[in-house]
Amino acid sequence: MQRRNYQDRTADWKPTNRQQYFLILAHGTISSLQWNDTVFDHEVWNFGNCFRSRKEAEQAREGMKEHFARFRTEASITKGYESKGLPNS
């Protein structure tokens, strides 16, 4: 797996070897893993889905739900304009 480049996160908390961290899975479940310095661990951290506690992960999940709801609303508005042949800006 090739590492992707994300925003600079050098100031963010990063687990040490064998330290537990929490992440949000695709269906919204929060899971904990042990940091083993794998490519997967680094991808999760680089993407911003690596949290010190379950509570932090839960707060982030709520923010993601709000973001996705706004995105769906904006996308449906844009689609409505497009279906009527109107400019969306």
PDB file of N, CA and C in Angstrom:
ATOM      1  N   MET A   1       0.851  -1.177   0.000  1.00  0.00           N
ATOM      2  CA  MET A   1       0.000   0.000   0.000  1.00  0.00           C
ATOM      3  C   MET A   1       0.893   1.235   0.000  1.00  0.00           C
ATOM      4  N   GLN A   2       0.614   2.152  -0.892  1.00  0.00           N
ATOM      5  CA  GLN A   2       1.400   3.377  -0.987  1.00  0.00           C
ATOM      6  C   GLN A   2       0.813   4.445  -0.079  1.00  0.00           C
ATOM      7  N   ARG A   3       1.664   5.147   0.634  1.00  0.00           N
ATOM      8  CA  ARG A   3       1.196   6.227   1.513  1.00  0.00           C
ATOM      9  C   ARG A   3       0.759   7.423   0.692  1.00  0.00           C
ATOM     10  N   ARG A   4      -0.317   8.040   1.128  1.00  0.00           N
ATOM     11  CA  ARG A   4      -0.830   9.236   0.467  1.00  0.00           C
ATOM     12  C   ARG A   4      -0.327  10.467   1.216  1.00  0.00           C
ATOM     13  N   ASN A   5      -0.308  11.583   0.537  1.00  0.00           N
ATOM     14  CA  ASN A   5       0.097  12.834   1.178  1.00  0.00           C
ATOM     15  C   ASN A   5      -1.141  13.610   1.602  1.00  0.00           C
ATOM     16  N   TYR A   6      -1.230  13.921   2.878  1.00  0.00           N
ATOM     17  CA  TYR A   6      -2.323  14.706   3.432  1.00  0.00           C
ATOM     18  C   TYR A   6      -1.720  15.984   4.009  1.00  0.00           C
ATOM     19  N   GLN A   7      -2.554  16.805   4.608  1.00  0.00           N
ATOM     20  CA  GLN A   7      -2.065  18.050   5.213  1.00  0.00           C
ATOM     21  C   GLN A   7      -1.003  17.735   6.272  1.00  0.00           C
ATOM     22  N   ASP A   8      -0.175  18.723   6.576  1.00  0.00           N
ATOM     23  CA  ASP A   8       0.867  18.559   7.578  1.00  0.00           C
ATOM     24  C   ASP A   8       0.235  18.389   8.953  1.00  0.00           C
ATOM     25  N   ARG A   9       0.518  17.271   9.594  1.00  0.00           N
ATOM     26  CA  ARG A   9      -0.084  16.983  10.901  1.00  0.00           C
ATOM     27  C   ARG A   9       0.996  16.809  11.963  1.00  0.00           C
ATOM     28  N   THR A  10       2.165  17.352  11.769  1.00  0.00           N
ATOM     29  CA  THR A  10       3.282  17.124  12.683  1.00  0.00           C
ATOM     30  C   THR A  10       2.998  17.575  14.106  1.00  0.00           C
ATOM     31  N   ALA A  11       2.106  18.557  14.294  1.00  0.00           N
ATOM     32  CA  ALA A  11       1.811  19.048  15.644  1.00  0.00           C
ATOM     33  C   ALA A  11       0.736  18.211  16.340  1.00  0.00           C
ATOM     34  N   ASP A  12       0.050  17.336  15.596  1.00  0.00           N
ATOM     35  CA  ASP A  12      -1.030  16.531  16.170  1.00  0.00           C
ATOM     36  C   ASP A  12      -0.493  15.351  16.978  1.00  0.00           C
ATOM     37  N   TRP A  13      -1.304  14.908  17.923  1.00  0.00           N
ATOM     38  CA  TRP A  13      -0.960  13.741  18.726  1.00  0.00           C
ATOM     39  C   TRP A  13      -0.806  12.523  17.823  1.00  0.00           C
ATOM     40  N   LYS A  14       0.213  11.749  18.104  1.00  0.00           N
ATOM     41  CA  LYS A  14       0.454  10.517  17.356  1.00  0.00           C
ATOM     42  C   LYS A  14       0.809   9.431  18.365  1.00  0.00           C
ATOM     43  N   PRO A  15       0.150   8.283  18.296  1.00  0.00           N
ATOM     44  CA  PRO A  15       0.443   7.225  19.263  1.00  0.00           C
ATOM     45  C   PRO A  15       1.899   6.751  19.163  1.00  0.00           C
ATOM     46  N   THR A  16       2.382   6.257  20.265  1.00  0.00           N
ATOM     47  CA  THR A  16       3.693   5.620  20.265  1.00  0.00           C
ATOM     48  C   THR A  16       3.495   4.125  20.045  1.00  0.00           C
ATOM     49  N   ASN A  17       4.566   3.411  19.810  1.00  0.00           N
ATOM     50  CA  ASN A  17       4.478   1.983  19.520  1.00  0.00           C
ATOM     51  C   ASN A  17       3.739   1.237  20.633  1.00  0.00           C
ATOM     52  N   ARG A  18       2.791   0.433  20.235  1.00  0.00           N
ATOM     53  CA  ARG A  18       1.950  -0.409  21.109  1.00  0.00           C
ATOM     54  C   ARG A  18       0.905   0.382  21.908  1.00  0.00           C
ATOM     55  N   GLN A  19       0.777   1.673  21.636  1.00  0.00           N
ATOM     56  CA  GLN A  19      -0.232   2.479  22.323  1.00  0.00           C
ATOM     57  C   GLN A  19      -1.590   2.322  21.628  1.00  0.00           C
ATOM     58  N   GLN A  20      -2.645   2.311  22.415  1.00  0.00           N
ATOM     59  CA  GLN A  20      -3.995   2.187  21.890  1.00  0.00           C
ATOM     60  C   GLN A  20      -4.441   3.509  21.281  1.00  0.00           C
ATOM     61  N   TYR A  21      -5.171   3.411  20.168  1.00  0.00           N
ATOM     62  CA  TYR A  21      -5.810   4.580  19.580  1.00  0.00           C
ATOM     63  C   TYR A  21      -7.191   4.174  19.077  1.00  0.00           C
ATOM     64  N   PHE A  22      -8.026   5.164  18.802  1.00  0.00           N
ATOM     65  CA  PHE A  22      -9.390   4.925  18.359  1.00  0.00           C
ATOM     66  C   PHE A  22      -9.567   5.499  16.963  1.00  0.00           C
ATOM     67  N   LEU A  23     -10.415   4.845  16.176  1.00  0.00           N
ATOM     68  CA  LEU A  23     -10.710   5.321  14.838  1.00  0.00           C
ATOM     69  C   LEU A  23     -12.175   5.059  14.521  1.00  0.00           C
ATOM     70  N   ILE A  24     -12.682   5.770  13.524  1.00  0.00           N
ATOM     71  CA  ILE A  24     -14.068   5.633  13.092  1.00  0.00           C
ATOM     72  C   ILE A  24     -14.065   4.788  11.825  1.00  0.00           C
ATOM     73  N   LEU A  25     -14.806   3.689  11.866  1.00  0.00           N
ATOM     74  CA  LEU A  25     -14.903   2.819  10.701  1.00  0.00           C
ATOM     75  C   LEU A  25     -15.937   3.367   9.723  1.00  0.00           C
ATOM     76  N   ALA A  26     -15.963   2.820   8.530  1.00  0.00           N
ATOM     77  CA  ALA A  26     -16.809   3.342   7.452  1.00  0.00           C
ATOM     78  C   ALA A  26     -18.286   3.400   7.815  1.00  0.00           C
ATOM     79  N   HIS A  27     -18.763   2.488   8.623  1.00  0.00           N
ATOM     80  CA  HIS A  27     -20.185   2.467   8.977  1.00  0.00           C
ATOM     81  C   HIS A  27     -20.466   3.209  10.286  1.00  0.00           C
ATOM     82  N   GLY A  28     -19.458   3.917  10.817  1.00  0.00           N
ATOM     83  CA  GLY A  28     -19.651   4.764  11.988  1.00  0.00           C
ATOM     84  C   GLY A  28     -19.286   4.143  13.317  1.00  0.00           C
ATOM     85  N   THR A  29     -18.967   2.878  13.325  1.00  0.00           N
ATOM     86  CA  THR A  29     -18.555   2.228  14.567  1.00  0.00           C
ATOM     87  C   THR A  29     -17.173   2.733  14.967  1.00  0.00           C
ATOM     88  N   ILE A  30     -16.974   2.907  16.250  1.00  0.00           N
ATOM     89  CA  ILE A  30     -15.664   3.314  16.753  1.00  0.00           C
ATOM     90  C   ILE A  30     -14.938   2.066  17.226  1.00  0.00           C
ATOM     91  N   SER A  31     -13.716   1.937  16.792  1.00  0.00           N
ATOM     92  CA  SER A  31     -12.915   0.773  17.129  1.00  0.00           C
ATOM     93  C   SER A  31     -11.590   1.226  17.731  1.00  0.00           C
ATOM     94  N   SER A  32     -10.989   0.380  18.529  1.00  0.00           N
ATOM     95  CA  SER A  32      -9.663   0.702  19.055  1.00  0.00           C
ATOM     96  C   SER A  32      -8.661  -0.308  18.504  1.00  0.00           C
ATOM     97  N   LEU A  33      -7.500   0.201  18.214  1.00  0.00           N
ATOM     98  CA  LEU A  33      -6.400  -0.625  17.716  1.00  0.00           C
ATOM     99  C   LEU A  33      -5.134  -0.274  18.474  1.00  0.00           C
ATOM    100  N   GLN A  34      -4.169  -1.119  18.332  1.00  0.00           N
ATOM    101  CA  GLN A  34      -2.859  -0.862  18.921  1.00  0.00           C
ATOM    102  C   GLN A  34      -1.937  -0.363  17.808  1.00  0.00           C
ATOM    103  N   TRP A  35      -1.242   0.730  18.069  1.00  0.00           N
ATOM    104  CA  TRP A  35      -0.309   1.289  17.091  1.00  0.00           C
ATOM    105  C   TRP A  35       0.883   0.350  16.959  1.00  0.00           C
ATOM    106  N   ASN A  36       1.114  -0.106  15.734  1.00  0.00           N
ATOM    107  CA  ASN A  36       2.243  -0.994  15.461  1.00  0.00           C
ATOM    108  C   ASN A  36       3.146  -0.445  14.370  1.00  0.00           C
ATOM    109  N   ASP A  37       3.004   0.846  14.093  1.00  0.00           N
ATOM    110  CA  ASP A  37       3.836   1.529  13.105  1.00  0.00           C
ATOM    111  C   ASP A  37       3.686   0.930  11.708  1.00  0.00           C
ATOM    112  N   THR A  38       2.483   0.446  11.393  1.00  0.00           N
ATOM    113  CA  THR A  38       2.226  -0.136  10.081  1.00  0.00           C
ATOM    114  C   THR A  38       1.819   0.948   9.096  1.00  0.00           C
ATOM    115  N   VAL A  39       1.783   0.604   7.827  1.00  0.00           N
ATOM    116  CA  VAL A  39       1.307   1.532   6.810  1.00  0.00           C
ATOM    117  C   VAL A  39      -0.135   1.919   7.130  1.00  0.00           C
ATOM    118  N   PHE A  40      -0.956   0.950   7.541  1.00  0.00           N
ATOM    119  CA  PHE A  40      -2.346   1.246   7.894  1.00  0.00           C
ATOM    120  C   PHE A  40      -2.409   2.270   9.023  1.00  0.00           C
ATOM    121  N   ASP A  41      -1.623   2.074  10.095  1.00  0.00           N
ATOM    122  CA  ASP A  41      -1.602   3.031  11.206  1.00  0.00           C
ATOM    123  C   ASP A  41      -1.285   4.437  10.696  1.00  0.00           C
ATOM    124  N   HIS A  42      -0.300   4.548   9.860  1.00  0.00           N
ATOM    125  CA  HIS A  42       0.099   5.863   9.340  1.00  0.00           C
ATOM    126  C   HIS A  42      -0.968   6.464   8.429  1.00  0.00           C
ATOM    127  N   GLU A  43      -1.625   5.641   7.632  1.00  0.00           N
ATOM    128  CA  GLU A  43      -2.701   6.139   6.769  1.00  0.00           C
ATOM    129  C   GLU A  43      -3.852   6.686   7.609  1.00  0.00           C
ATOM    130  N   VAL A  44      -4.237   5.953   8.653  1.00  0.00           N
ATOM    131  CA  VAL A  44      -5.310   6.401   9.546  1.00  0.00           C
ATOM    132  C   VAL A  44      -4.928   7.734  10.179  1.00  0.00           C
ATOM    133  N   TRP A  45      -3.709   7.829  10.673  1.00  0.00           N
ATOM    134  CA  TRP A  45      -3.241   9.058  11.315  1.00  0.00           C
ATOM    135  C   TRP A  45      -3.167  10.205  10.310  1.00  0.00           C
ATOM    136  N   ASN A  46      -2.584   9.949   9.149  1.00  0.00           N
ATOM    137  CA  ASN A  46      -2.449  11.002   8.139  1.00  0.00           C
ATOM    138  C   ASN A  46      -3.797  11.534   7.675  1.00  0.00           C
ATOM    139  N   PHE A  47      -4.801  10.678   7.632  1.00  0.00           N
ATOM    140  CA  PHE A  47      -6.133  11.086   7.205  1.00  0.00           C
ATOM    141  C   PHE A  47      -6.865  11.870   8.284  1.00  0.00           C
ATOM    142  N   GLY A  48      -6.384  11.769   9.529  1.00  0.00           N
ATOM    143  CA  GLY A  48      -7.016  12.488  10.636  1.00  0.00           C
ATOM    144  C   GLY A  48      -8.022  11.652  11.402  1.00  0.00           C
ATOM    145  N   ASN A  49      -7.950  10.347  11.255  1.00  0.00           N
ATOM    146  CA  ASN A  49      -8.906   9.438  11.881  1.00  0.00           C
ATOM    147  C   ASN A  49      -8.239   8.638  12.997  1.00  0.00           C
ATOM    148  N   CYS A  50      -7.432   9.301  13.797  1.00  0.00           N
ATOM    149  CA  CYS A  50      -6.679   8.661  14.874  1.00  0.00           C
ATOM    150  C   CYS A  50      -6.881   9.509  16.136  1.00  0.00           C
ATOM    151  N   PHE A  51      -7.538   8.925  17.144  1.00  0.00           N
ATOM    152  CA  PHE A  51      -7.933   9.689  18.324  1.00  0.00           C
ATOM    153  C   PHE A  51      -7.404   9.051  19.601  1.00  0.00           C
ATOM    154  N   ARG A  52      -7.104   9.897  20.592  1.00  0.00           N
ATOM    155  CA  ARG A  52      -6.600   9.424  21.887  1.00  0.00           C
ATOM    156  C   ARG A  52      -7.632   8.644  22.675  1.00  0.00           C
ATOM    157  N   SER A  53      -8.890   9.026  22.548  1.00  0.00           N
ATOM    158  CA  SER A  53      -9.928   8.424  23.391  1.00  0.00           C
ATOM    159  C   SER A  53     -11.185   8.148  22.571  1.00  0.00           C
ATOM    160  N   ARG A  54     -12.005   7.275  23.106  1.00  0.00           N
ATOM    161  CA  ARG A  54     -13.297   6.976  22.480  1.00  0.00           C
ATOM    162  C   ARG A  54     -14.144   8.250  22.420  1.00  0.00           C
ATOM    163  N   LYS A  55     -14.068   9.063  23.472  1.00  0.00           N
ATOM    164  CA  LYS A  55     -14.854  10.306  23.519  1.00  0.00           C
ATOM    165  C   LYS A  55     -14.463  11.240  22.373  1.00  0.00           C
ATOM    166  N   GLU A  56     -13.165  11.396  22.111  1.00  0.00           N
ATOM    167  CA  GLU A  56     -12.721  12.234  20.991  1.00  0.00           C
ATOM    168  C   GLU A  56     -13.265  11.690  19.673  1.00  0.00           C
ATOM    169  N   ALA A  57     -13.201  10.382  19.509  1.00  0.00           N
ATOM    170  CA  ALA A  57     -13.690   9.759  18.278  1.00  0.00           C
ATOM    171  C   ALA A  57     -15.201   9.959  18.136  1.00  0.00           C
ATOM    172  N   GLU A  58     -15.935   9.843  19.240  1.00  0.00           N
ATOM    173  CA  GLU A  58     -17.392  10.058  19.201  1.00  0.00           C
ATOM    174  C   GLU A  58     -17.717  11.494  18.792  1.00  0.00           C
ATOM    175  N   GLN A  59     -16.966  12.456  19.325  1.00  0.00           N
ATOM    176  CA  GLN A  59     -17.187  13.860  18.963  1.00  0.00           C
ATOM    177  C   GLN A  59     -16.897  14.084  17.479  1.00  0.00           C
ATOM    178  N   ALA A  60     -15.830  13.485  16.994  1.00  0.00           N
ATOM    179  CA  ALA A  60     -15.485  13.619  15.578  1.00  0.00           C
ATOM    180  C   ALA A  60     -16.562  12.983  14.706  1.00  0.00           C
ATOM    181  N   ARG A  61     -17.080  11.839  15.141  1.00  0.00           N
ATOM    182  CA  ARG A  61     -18.126  11.156  14.374  1.00  0.00           C
ATOM    183  C   ARG A  61     -19.366  12.040  14.249  1.00  0.00           C
ATOM    184  N   GLU A  62     -19.736  12.728  15.325  1.00  0.00           N
ATOM    185  CA  GLU A  62     -20.893  13.620  15.267  1.00  0.00           C
ATOM    186  C   GLU A  62     -20.642  14.753  14.282  1.00  0.00           C
ATOM    187  N   GLY A  63     -19.424  15.300  14.288  1.00  0.00           N
ATOM    188  CA  GLY A  63     -19.079  16.346  13.328  1.00  0.00           C
ATOM    189  C   GLY A  63     -19.133  15.842  11.893  1.00  0.00           C
ATOM    190  N   MET A  64     -18.704  14.600  11.693  1.00  0.00           N
ATOM    191  CA  MET A  64     -18.752  14.010  10.355  1.00  0.00           C
ATOM    192  C   MET A  64     -20.191  13.839   9.888  1.00  0.00           C
ATOM    193  N   LYS A  65     -21.066  13.408  10.799  1.00  0.00           N
ATOM    194  CA  LYS A  65     -22.481  13.246  10.441  1.00  0.00           C
ATOM    195  C   LYS A  65     -23.071  14.580   9.997  1.00  0.00           C
ATOM    196  N   GLU A  66     -22.747  15.644  10.731  1.00  0.00           N
ATOM    197  CA  GLU A  66     -23.241  16.974  10.372  1.00  0.00           C
ATOM    198  C   GLU A  66     -22.699  17.409   9.009  1.00  0.00           C
ATOM    199  N   HIS A  67     -21.421  17.154   8.787  1.00  0.00           N
ATOM    200  CA  HIS A  67     -20.800  17.508   7.510  1.00  0.00           C
ATOM    201  C   HIS A  67     -21.470  16.750   6.363  1.00  0.00           C
ATOM    202  N   PHE A  68     -21.670  15.459   6.533  1.00  0.00           N
ATOM    203  CA  PHE A  68     -22.296  14.659   5.479  1.00  0.00           C
ATOM    204  C   PHE A  68     -23.726  15.112   5.206  1.00  0.00           C
ATOM    205  N   ALA A  69     -24.451  15.480   6.258  1.00  0.00           N
ATOM    206  CA  ALA A  69     -25.820  15.971   6.076  1.00  0.00           C
ATOM    207  C   ALA A  69     -25.813  17.264   5.259  1.00  0.00           C
ATOM    208  N   ARG A  70     -24.898  18.186   5.577  1.00  0.00           N
ATOM    209  CA  ARG A  70     -24.783  19.432   4.802  1.00  0.00           C
ATOM    210  C   ARG A  70     -24.412  19.128   3.360  1.00  0.00           C
ATOM    211  N   PHE A  71     -23.489  18.199   3.169  1.00  0.00           N
ATOM    212  CA  PHE A  71     -23.046  17.840   1.827  1.00  0.00           C
ATOM    213  C   PHE A  71     -24.218  17.285   1.007  1.00  0.00           C
ATOM    214  N   ARG A  72     -25.012  16.387   1.623  1.00  0.00           N
ATOM    215  CA  ARG A  72     -26.166  15.819   0.912  1.00  0.00           C
ATOM    216  C   ARG A  72     -27.164  16.915   0.551  1.00  0.00           C
ATOM    217  N   THR A  73     -27.393  17.843   1.472  1.00  0.00           N
ATOM    218  CA  THR A  73     -28.329  18.937   1.206  1.00  0.00           C
ATOM    219  C   THR A  73     -27.828  19.799   0.055  1.00  0.00           C
ATOM    220  N   GLU A  74     -26.554  20.178   0.108  1.00  0.00           N
ATOM    221  CA  GLU A  74     -25.981  21.003  -0.957  1.00  0.00           C
ATOM    222  C   GLU A  74     -25.977  20.263  -2.283  1.00  0.00           C
ATOM    223  N   ALA A  75     -25.674  18.976  -2.255  1.00  0.00           N
ATOM    224  CA  ALA A  75     -25.645  18.184  -3.487  1.00  0.00           C
ATOM    225  C   ALA A  75     -27.040  18.076  -4.088  1.00  0.00           C
ATOM    226  N   SER A  76     -28.054  17.924  -3.249  1.00  0.00           N
ATOM    227  CA  SER A  76     -29.416  17.809  -3.783  1.00  0.00           C
ATOM    228  C   SER A  76     -29.881  19.148  -4.349  1.00  0.00           C
ATOM    229  N   ILE A  77     -29.469  20.245  -3.736  1.00  0.00           N
ATOM    230  CA  ILE A  77     -29.814  21.568  -4.276  1.00  0.00           C
ATOM    231  C   ILE A  77     -29.151  21.757  -5.632  1.00  0.00           C
ATOM    232  N   THR A  78     -27.868  21.412  -5.707  1.00  0.00           N
ATOM    233  CA  THR A  78     -27.132  21.529  -6.976  1.00  0.00           C
ATOM    234  C   THR A  78     -27.776  20.652  -8.036  1.00  0.00           C
ATOM    235  N   LYS A  79     -28.135  19.428  -7.659  1.00  0.00           N
ATOM    236  CA  LYS A  79     -28.764  18.518  -8.616  1.00  0.00           C
ATOM    237  C   LYS A  79     -30.101  19.082  -9.088  1.00  0.00           C
ATOM    238  N   GLY A  80     -30.841  19.720  -8.183  1.00  0.00           N
ATOM    239  CA  GLY A  80     -32.112  20.338  -8.556  1.00  0.00           C
ATOM    240  C   GLY A  80     -31.921  21.432  -9.575  1.00  0.00           C
ATOM    241  N   TYR A  81     -30.887  22.249  -9.391  1.00  0.00           N
ATOM    242  CA  TYR A  81     -30.601  23.297 -10.376  1.00  0.00           C
ATOM    243  C   TYR A  81     -30.252  22.683 -11.724  1.00  0.00           C
ATOM    244  N   GLU A  82     -29.380  21.659 -11.678  1.00  0.00           N
ATOM    245  CA  GLU A  82     -28.927  21.049 -12.928  1.00  0.00           C
ATOM    246  C   GLU A  82     -30.078  20.410 -13.685  1.00  0.00           C
ATOM    247  N   SER A  83     -30.991  19.754 -12.958  1.00  0.00           N
ATOM    248  CA  SER A  83     -32.108  19.098 -13.647  1.00  0.00           C
ATOM    249  C   SER A  83     -33.058  20.107 -14.297  1.00  0.00           C
ATOM    250  N   LYS A  84     -33.044  21.346 -13.809  1.00  0.00           N
ATOM    251  CA  LYS A  84     -33.892  22.396 -14.389  1.00  0.00           C
ATOM    252  C   LYS A  84     -33.129  23.262 -15.392  1.00  0.00           C
ATOM    253  N   GLY A  85     -31.836  22.918 -15.621  1.00  0.00           N
ATOM    254  CA  GLY A  85     -31.037  23.677 -16.564  1.00  0.00           C
ATOM    255  C   GLY A  85     -30.619  25.029 -16.058  1.00  0.00           C
ATOM    256  N   LEU A  86     -30.613  25.212 -14.713  1.00  0.00           N
ATOM    257  CA  LEU A  86     -30.235  26.498 -14.123  1.00  0.00           C
ATOM    258  C   LEU A  86     -28.797  26.453 -13.646  1.00  0.00           C
ATOM    259  N   PRO A  87     -28.113  27.587 -13.648  1.00  0.00           N
ATOM    260  CA  PRO A  87     -26.746  27.608 -13.074  1.00  0.00           C
ATOM    261  C   PRO A  87     -26.819  27.405 -11.566  1.00  0.00           C
ATOM    262  N   ASN A  88     -25.832  26.738 -10.998  1.00  0.00           N
ATOM    263  CA  ASN A  88     -25.866  26.437  -9.562  1.00  0.00           C
ATOM    264  C   ASN A  88     -25.048  27.403  -8.720  1.00  0.00           C
ATOM    265  N   SER A  89     -24.632  28.510  -9.277  1.00  0.00           N
ATOM    266  CA  SER A  89     -23.884  29.492  -8.465  1.00  0.00           C
ATOM    267  C   SER A  89     -24.525  30.840  -8.484  1.00  0.00           C
TER     268      SER A  89
END
